[in-house]
Amino acid sequence: MPVTHHQQSPARHGARTRTRLLDTAECLFAEKGFAATSVRDITAEAGCNLAAVTYHFGGKRNLYREVFRRRLAALREQRVASIRTASGDAGSLESVLASFAEVFVKPLISRGRSRSVLDLLQREMLDPHLPPEMYRAEFTGPVSGALASAMMSAVPDLDPRSARVCAISVIGQLVQLARQVRWARLQSSAREDVPPMREAVAQIVRFSAAGVRACANGAR
């Protein structure tokens, strides 16, 4: 006999409410930002009572952290996996950079959840509300570390410090591309100022590969 909504256990009902709050908060934070999204906005959209956020998360700031924690792990593993796949079997520097860049920009040309997560990340970069150590430990540190290691495998003369700086440079270029694309989406009249995605990514790969090799040659 199927279980009706009223027959659900309190634990299952609570888990569904928690997930609904996370899904709703993610969309609203991505659309409006942390400051402009109120607890009342979230609970009204999620169909929950006003106390639900406090009960399940202890407040809006902790809810915001849990929204990120849920998405950062999947995004981190996706980007790290792209690096490992490209660097396997003695992958070239260009293949490592191209694979990473492709996964990085994929949300820019997709719809739905992926684009929402990208908007969320961009808002956090422009207006931070996460503890710096959380974002670094759970996302940026592992990703840039994996990219730096792959660069050193592809270019043996590259030292660890230079590799870390180069990894930050590559990620910075891709972040800037993401910002330009997002701005162009908001300002349709300015779309011609943003180069085609493939062309922009190819240029970032060429420029970065040359820079990495120059750093390695300079260390000799």
Protein backbone atom coordinates (compact mmCIF):
# COMPACT_ATOMS: atom_id res chain seq x y z
CA MET A 1 0.00 0.00 0.00
CA PRO A 2 1.58 3.35 -1.01
CA VAL A 3 2.53 5.82 1.70
CA THR A 4 0.63 9.10 1.52
CA HIS A 5 2.08 12.51 2.31
CA HIS A 6 0.43 12.40 5.75
CA GLN A 7 1.85 8.93 6.45
CA GLN A 8 5.47 9.86 5.76
CA SER A 9 7.82 9.47 8.71
CA PRO A 10 8.97 12.72 10.36
CA ALA A 11 12.56 11.98 9.28
CA ARG A 12 11.63 11.56 5.63
CA HIS A 13 9.40 14.62 5.67
CA GLY A 14 12.21 16.62 7.27
CA ALA A 15 14.72 15.43 4.66
CA ARG A 16 12.38 16.47 1.85
CA THR A 17 11.86 19.89 3.40
CA ARG A 18 15.62 20.35 3.81
CA THR A 19 16.26 19.43 0.16
CA ARG A 20 13.50 21.73 -1.01
CA LEU A 21 15.01 24.61 0.95
CA LEU A 22 18.46 23.93 -0.54
CA ASP A 23 17.12 23.77 -4.10
CA THR A 24 15.07 26.95 -3.67
CA ALA A 25 17.86 28.86 -1.93
CA GLU A 26 20.34 27.88 -4.65
CA CYS A 27 18.14 29.33 -7.38
CA LEU A 28 17.38 32.53 -5.46
CA PHE A 29 20.98 33.13 -4.34
CA ALA A 30 22.13 32.62 -7.96
CA GLU A 31 19.49 35.00 -9.28
CA LYS A 32 19.54 37.75 -6.64
CA GLY A 33 22.64 37.26 -4.52
CA PHE A 34 23.01 36.65 -0.79
CA ALA A 35 22.09 40.08 0.53
CA ALA A 36 19.01 40.54 -1.68
CA THR A 37 17.56 37.12 -0.81
CA SER A 38 15.64 36.99 2.46
CA VAL A 39 14.66 33.98 4.54
CA ARG A 40 11.05 34.93 3.85
CA ASP A 41 11.75 34.77 0.08
CA ILE A 42 13.22 31.30 0.42
CA THR A 43 10.54 29.80 2.64
CA ALA A 44 7.71 31.32 0.61
CA GLU A 45 9.12 29.93 -2.64
CA ALA A 46 9.80 26.54 -1.03
CA GLY A 47 6.36 26.35 0.55
CA CYS A 48 7.74 26.07 4.09
CA ASN A 49 7.04 27.98 7.27
CA LEU A 50 9.35 30.83 8.21
CA ALA A 51 11.07 28.89 11.00
CA ALA A 52 12.17 26.06 8.68
CA VAL A 53 15.50 27.68 7.75
CA THR A 54 16.45 28.14 11.40
CA TYR A 55 15.31 24.63 12.29
CA HIS A 56 17.23 22.85 9.51
CA PHE A 57 20.27 25.12 9.08
CA GLY A 58 20.49 27.54 11.99
CA GLY A 59 20.01 30.62 9.81
CA LYS A 60 20.48 32.09 6.33
CA ARG A 61 24.29 32.18 6.41
CA ASN A 62 24.57 28.49 7.25
CA LEU A 63 22.01 27.68 4.56
CA TYR A 64 24.18 29.59 2.07
CA ARG A 65 27.21 27.54 3.11
CA GLU A 66 25.34 24.27 2.71
CA VAL A 67 24.14 25.29 -0.76
CA PHE A 68 27.78 25.72 -1.78
CA ARG A 69 29.07 22.66 0.03
CA ARG A 70 26.56 20.50 -1.83
CA ARG A 71 27.60 21.81 -5.26
CA LEU A 72 31.32 22.42 -4.77
CA ALA A 73 32.17 18.75 -4.26
CA ALA A 74 30.62 17.69 -7.58
CA LEU A 75 32.12 20.62 -9.48
CA ARG A 76 35.56 20.05 -7.92
CA GLU A 77 35.59 16.37 -8.85
CA GLN A 78 34.47 17.14 -12.39
CA ARG A 79 37.33 19.59 -12.94
CA VAL A 80 39.97 17.45 -11.25
CA ALA A 81 38.85 14.41 -13.26
CA SER A 82 39.27 16.35 -16.52
CA ILE A 83 42.86 17.15 -15.54
CA ARG A 84 43.67 13.56 -14.59
CA THR A 85 42.17 12.17 -17.77
CA ALA A 86 44.12 14.56 -19.99
CA SER A 87 47.41 14.11 -18.10
CA GLY A 88 47.22 10.30 -18.26
CA ASP A 89 49.38 8.51 -20.81
CA ALA A 90 51.88 11.39 -20.93
CA GLY A 91 49.35 13.97 -22.10
CA SER A 92 50.75 17.15 -23.61
CA LEU A 93 50.52 20.50 -21.87
CA GLU A 94 48.03 21.69 -24.49
CA SER A 95 45.78 18.67 -23.97
CA VAL A 96 45.76 19.23 -20.20
CA LEU A 97 44.89 22.91 -20.59
CA ALA A 98 42.28 22.28 -23.29
CA SER A 99 40.53 19.54 -21.30
CA PHE A 100 40.42 21.67 -18.17
CA ALA A 101 39.20 24.73 -20.07
CA GLU A 102 36.47 22.73 -21.82
CA VAL A 103 35.05 21.47 -18.53
CA PHE A 104 35.41 24.91 -16.96
CA VAL A 105 33.41 26.71 -19.65
CA LYS A 106 30.84 23.97 -20.26
CA PRO A 107 28.30 25.56 -17.88
CA LEU A 108 28.53 28.76 -19.93
CA ILE A 109 26.89 27.10 -22.91
CA SER A 110 24.52 24.82 -20.99
CA ARG A 111 21.11 25.53 -19.54
CA GLY A 112 19.37 24.87 -16.25
CA ARG A 113 21.21 23.74 -13.13
CA SER A 114 24.77 24.06 -14.50
CA ARG A 115 24.26 27.69 -15.45
CA SER A 116 22.59 28.41 -12.10
CA VAL A 117 25.62 27.01 -10.27
CA LEU A 118 27.95 29.14 -12.39
CA ASP A 119 25.94 32.28 -11.58
CA LEU A 120 26.13 31.33 -7.91
CA LEU A 121 29.92 30.98 -8.04
CA GLN A 122 30.34 34.27 -9.87
CA ARG A 123 28.23 36.12 -7.33
CA GLU A 124 30.33 34.67 -4.53
CA MET A 125 33.55 35.78 -6.25
CA LEU A 126 32.24 39.34 -6.62
CA ASP A 127 30.57 39.54 -3.20
CA PRO A 128 32.08 36.92 -0.84
CA HIS A 129 30.04 35.49 2.03
CA LEU A 130 31.75 32.12 2.50
CA PRO A 131 34.61 31.65 4.96
CA PRO A 132 37.78 31.98 2.82
CA GLU A 133 39.24 28.78 4.26
CA MET A 134 36.15 26.77 3.24
CA TYR A 135 36.23 27.89 -0.40
CA ARG A 136 39.98 27.34 -0.61
CA ALA A 137 40.03 23.96 1.14
CA GLU A 138 37.00 22.47 -0.59
CA PHE A 139 37.31 23.92 -4.07
CA THR A 140 40.01 26.27 -5.33
CA GLY A 141 42.92 24.56 -3.53
CA PRO A 142 42.33 21.02 -4.84
CA VAL A 143 41.55 22.24 -8.36
CA SER A 144 44.55 24.55 -8.75
CA GLY A 145 46.78 21.93 -7.08
CA ALA A 146 45.72 19.23 -9.55
CA LEU A 147 46.28 21.60 -12.48
CA ALA A 148 49.73 22.58 -11.20
CA SER A 149 50.73 18.92 -10.79
CA ALA A 150 49.56 18.11 -14.33
CA MET A 151 51.56 21.04 -15.69
CA MET A 152 54.72 19.78 -13.97
CA SER A 153 54.16 16.31 -15.43
CA ALA A 154 53.82 17.76 -18.92
CA VAL A 155 56.73 20.22 -18.49
CA PRO A 156 59.32 18.56 -16.20
CA ASP A 157 61.46 21.71 -15.86
CA LEU A 158 58.58 23.62 -14.27
CA ASP A 159 59.14 24.09 -10.54
CA PRO A 160 56.26 23.80 -8.01
CA ARG A 161 56.02 27.50 -7.21
CA SER A 162 55.89 28.53 -10.88
CA ALA A 163 53.35 25.78 -11.54
CA ARG A 164 51.04 27.14 -8.83
CA VAL A 165 51.30 30.66 -10.24
CA CYS A 166 50.61 29.39 -13.77
CA ALA A 167 47.58 27.42 -12.55
CA ILE A 168 46.15 30.54 -10.91
CA SER A 169 46.78 32.47 -14.14
CA VAL A 170 44.89 29.90 -16.26
CA ILE A 171 41.95 29.83 -13.88
CA GLY A 172 41.92 33.63 -13.73
CA GLN A 173 41.65 33.87 -17.52
CA LEU A 174 38.76 31.39 -17.57
CA VAL A 175 36.98 33.23 -14.76
CA GLN A 176 37.31 36.48 -16.70
CA LEU A 177 35.88 34.79 -19.80
CA ALA A 178 32.95 33.55 -17.69
CA ARG A 179 32.34 37.09 -16.45
CA GLN A 180 32.41 38.49 -19.97
CA VAL A 181 29.93 35.89 -21.20
CA ARG A 182 27.61 36.54 -18.25
CA TRP A 183 27.82 40.30 -18.86
CA ALA A 184 27.04 39.79 -22.54
CA ARG A 185 23.97 37.74 -21.61
CA LEU A 186 22.73 40.63 -19.48
CA GLN A 187 23.66 43.28 -22.07
CA SER A 188 22.49 41.82 -25.37
CA SER A 189 23.70 44.87 -27.31
CA ALA A 190 27.30 44.12 -26.23
CA ARG A 191 27.46 40.52 -27.47
CA GLU A 192 29.75 41.46 -30.35
CA ASP A 193 32.41 42.52 -27.80
CA VAL A 194 32.77 38.92 -26.56
CA PRO A 195 34.72 36.56 -28.86
CA PRO A 196 33.23 33.18 -29.84
CA MET A 197 33.68 30.64 -27.06
CA ARG A 198 35.88 28.19 -28.98
CA GLU A 199 38.10 31.00 -30.23
CA ALA A 200 38.49 32.46 -26.74
CA VAL A 201 39.29 29.08 -25.16
CA ALA A 202 41.81 28.22 -27.88
CA GLN A 203 43.56 31.55 -27.32
CA ILE A 204 43.70 30.97 -23.54
CA VAL A 205 45.23 27.52 -24.14
CA ARG A 206 47.87 28.87 -26.60
CA PHE A 207 48.74 31.85 -24.40
CA SER A 208 48.93 29.77 -21.22
CA ALA A 209 50.99 26.97 -22.78
CA ALA A 210 53.53 29.51 -24.02
CA GLY A 211 53.62 31.14 -20.59
CA VAL A 212 54.14 27.86 -18.77
CA ARG A 213 57.04 26.89 -21.04
CA ALA A 214 58.56 30.36 -20.65
CA CYS A 215 58.48 29.95 -16.85
CA ALA A 216 60.16 26.55 -17.17
CA ASN A 217 62.83 27.87 -19.54
CA GLY A 218 63.48 30.84 -17.27
CA ALA A 219 64.23 28.52 -14.36
CA ARG A 220 67.06 26.75 -16.20
